[in-house]
N, C-alpha and C. Protein backbone atom coordinates (compact mmCIF):
# COMPACT_ATOMS: atom_id res chain seq x y z
N MET A 1 12.70 45.68 3.17
CA MET A 1 11.39 46.00 2.49
C MET A 1 10.34 45.05 3.25
N GLY A 2 10.60 43.92 3.95
CA GLY A 2 9.91 42.99 4.51
C GLY A 2 8.60 42.44 3.59
N VAL A 3 7.89 41.95 4.39
CA VAL A 3 6.70 40.90 3.98
C VAL A 3 5.62 42.06 3.73
N LYS A 4 4.95 42.11 2.36
CA LYS A 4 4.00 43.08 2.21
C LYS A 4 2.39 42.50 3.04
N PRO A 5 1.71 43.41 3.49
CA PRO A 5 0.50 42.94 4.13
C PRO A 5 -0.60 42.15 3.39
N GLU A 6 -0.49 42.67 2.17
CA GLU A 6 -1.42 41.79 1.19
C GLU A 6 -1.07 40.32 1.22
N LEU A 7 0.18 39.96 1.05
CA LEU A 7 0.53 38.68 1.11
C LEU A 7 0.49 38.04 2.59
N LEU A 8 0.53 38.63 3.38
CA LEU A 8 0.15 38.17 4.90
C LEU A 8 -1.18 37.66 4.97
N GLU A 9 -2.34 38.57 4.37
CA GLU A 9 -3.53 38.17 4.41
C GLU A 9 -3.76 36.98 3.61
N ILE A 10 -3.24 36.43 2.79
CA ILE A 10 -3.57 35.01 1.99
C ILE A 10 -2.54 34.01 2.21
N LEU A 11 -1.52 34.29 3.16
CA LEU A 11 -0.43 32.91 3.56
C LEU A 11 -1.34 32.49 4.73
N ALA A 12 -1.03 31.24 4.86
CA ALA A 12 -1.45 30.28 6.25
C ALA A 12 -0.17 29.29 6.33
N CYS A 13 -0.34 28.85 7.71
CA CYS A 13 0.69 28.06 8.24
C CYS A 13 0.45 26.62 7.37
N PRO A 14 1.61 26.31 6.88
CA PRO A 14 1.65 24.74 6.29
C PRO A 14 1.23 23.67 7.10
N ALA A 15 1.53 23.60 8.01
CA ALA A 15 1.41 22.57 9.09
C ALA A 15 -0.45 22.45 9.64
N CYS A 16 -0.68 23.55 10.00
CA CYS A 16 -2.13 23.58 10.82
C CYS A 16 -2.97 24.47 9.82
N HIS A 17 -2.74 25.11 8.91
CA HIS A 17 -3.64 26.00 7.95
C HIS A 17 -4.14 27.31 8.76
N ALA A 18 -3.46 27.51 10.09
CA ALA A 18 -4.01 28.73 10.51
C ALA A 18 -3.42 29.95 10.13
N LYS A 19 -3.62 31.17 10.63
CA LYS A 19 -3.11 32.40 9.91
C LYS A 19 -1.67 32.81 10.82
N ILE A 20 -0.87 33.29 9.93
CA ILE A 20 0.17 33.65 10.58
C ILE A 20 0.29 34.90 10.08
N GLU A 21 1.18 35.57 11.17
CA GLU A 21 1.67 36.97 11.41
C GLU A 21 3.11 37.05 11.67
N LEU A 22 3.54 38.23 11.03
CA LEU A 22 5.08 38.70 11.20
C LEU A 22 5.32 38.95 12.49
N LYS A 23 6.49 38.23 12.95
CA LYS A 23 7.15 38.77 14.29
C LYS A 23 7.28 39.99 14.66
N ALA A 24 7.26 40.53 15.69
CA ALA A 24 7.62 42.07 16.15
C ALA A 24 9.19 42.23 15.42
N ASP A 25 9.93 41.67 15.31
CA ASP A 25 11.37 41.95 14.92
C ASP A 25 11.69 41.57 13.57
N GLY A 26 10.57 40.92 12.75
CA GLY A 26 10.73 40.98 11.51
C GLY A 26 11.54 39.81 11.09
N SER A 27 11.67 38.87 11.76
CA SER A 27 12.79 37.85 11.70
C SER A 27 12.03 36.54 11.28
N GLY A 28 10.64 36.56 11.14
CA GLY A 28 10.03 35.39 10.68
C GLY A 28 8.51 35.53 10.74
N LEU A 29 7.69 34.44 10.39
CA LEU A 29 6.34 34.58 10.40
C LEU A 29 5.71 33.51 11.39
N ARG A 30 5.05 33.93 12.48
CA ARG A 30 4.41 33.14 13.58
C ARG A 30 3.40 32.53 13.35
N CYS A 31 2.80 31.15 13.27
CA CYS A 31 1.53 30.90 13.32
C CYS A 31 0.71 31.07 14.69
N THR A 32 -0.38 31.48 14.57
CA THR A 32 -1.14 32.06 15.68
C THR A 32 -1.74 30.66 16.58
N ALA A 33 -1.70 29.54 15.79
CA ALA A 33 -2.21 28.35 16.50
C ALA A 33 -1.34 27.51 16.92
N CYS A 34 -0.41 27.02 15.94
CA CYS A 34 0.65 25.93 16.69
C CYS A 34 1.89 26.63 16.83
N HIS A 35 2.03 27.83 16.70
CA HIS A 35 3.35 28.77 17.28
C HIS A 35 4.57 28.26 16.68
N ARG A 36 4.59 27.75 15.50
CA ARG A 36 5.91 27.55 14.68
C ARG A 36 6.20 28.90 14.06
N VAL A 37 7.36 29.22 13.90
CA VAL A 37 8.10 30.33 13.24
C VAL A 37 8.79 29.90 12.15
N TYR A 38 8.33 30.45 10.99
CA TYR A 38 8.83 30.23 9.79
C TYR A 38 9.91 31.40 9.41
N PRO A 39 11.18 31.06 8.94
CA PRO A 39 12.28 32.30 8.74
C PRO A 39 12.02 32.99 7.40
N ILE A 40 12.40 33.93 7.48
CA ILE A 40 12.59 34.99 6.32
C ILE A 40 13.81 34.87 5.86
N ARG A 41 14.46 34.55 4.75
CA ARG A 41 15.43 34.61 4.28
C ARG A 41 15.69 35.44 2.76
N ASP A 42 16.23 36.52 2.74
CA ASP A 42 16.38 37.55 1.63
C ASP A 42 15.10 38.20 1.31
N GLU A 43 14.49 38.50 2.26
CA GLU A 43 12.96 38.73 2.31
C GLU A 43 12.11 37.73 1.64
N ILE A 44 12.26 36.66 1.84
CA ILE A 44 11.19 35.56 1.25
C ILE A 44 10.94 34.59 2.34
N PRO A 45 9.88 34.39 2.55
CA PRO A 45 9.07 33.53 3.38
C PRO A 45 9.66 32.36 3.41
N VAL A 46 10.26 31.35 4.03
CA VAL A 46 10.39 29.85 4.19
C VAL A 46 9.23 29.21 4.69
N LEU A 47 8.49 28.78 4.06
CA LEU A 47 7.39 28.27 4.63
C LEU A 47 7.47 26.72 4.40
N ILE A 48 8.34 26.02 4.88
CA ILE A 48 8.51 24.56 4.84
C ILE A 48 8.57 24.10 6.50
N VAL A 49 7.90 23.15 6.74
CA VAL A 49 7.43 22.84 8.14
C VAL A 49 8.84 22.32 8.54
N GLU A 50 9.74 21.77 8.05
CA GLU A 50 10.97 21.22 8.57
C GLU A 50 11.62 22.36 8.84
N GLU A 51 11.52 23.37 8.32
CA GLU A 51 12.46 24.71 8.60
C GLU A 51 12.18 25.60 9.59
N ALA A 52 10.98 25.24 10.19
CA ALA A 52 10.34 26.16 11.16
C ALA A 52 10.86 25.71 12.57
N SER A 53 10.71 26.56 13.63
CA SER A 53 11.18 26.45 14.48
C SER A 53 9.71 26.28 15.67
N LEU A 54 9.73 25.86 16.77
CA LEU A 54 8.57 26.09 17.58
C LEU A 54 8.97 27.16 18.60
N GLU A 55 7.98 28.06 18.88
CA GLU A 55 8.20 29.20 19.67
C GLU A 55 7.55 29.12 21.03
N GLU A 56 8.47 29.16 22.08
CA GLU A 56 7.76 28.86 23.31
C GLU A 56 6.85 29.81 23.38
N THR A 57 5.68 29.18 24.38
CA THR A 57 4.46 30.12 24.74
C THR A 57 4.52 30.36 26.34
N PRO A 58 4.24 31.50 26.81
CA PRO A 58 4.28 31.73 28.20
C PRO A 58 3.12 30.83 28.93
N ALA A 59 3.73 30.24 29.79
CA ALA A 59 2.73 29.34 30.83
C ALA A 59 1.67 30.20 31.26
N ALA A 60 0.61 29.47 31.19
CA ALA A 60 -0.77 30.13 32.09
C ALA A 60 -0.49 30.24 33.35
N ALA A 61 -0.98 31.46 34.00
CA ALA A 61 -0.88 31.53 35.39
C ALA A 61 -1.99 31.22 36.44
């Protein structure tokens, strides 16, 4: 089922309060500012900073 678009509109990153978006593969929610990825377990977003992983960002060329 996934995360509903209405829920994504109101969620924010617990660490920096920026917008979060669903990863392309649906495995987690990614912060657009600090690049933390929060897991989704049993269709429930786990928005706990300690549970997040940092996603590598491509180096600027």
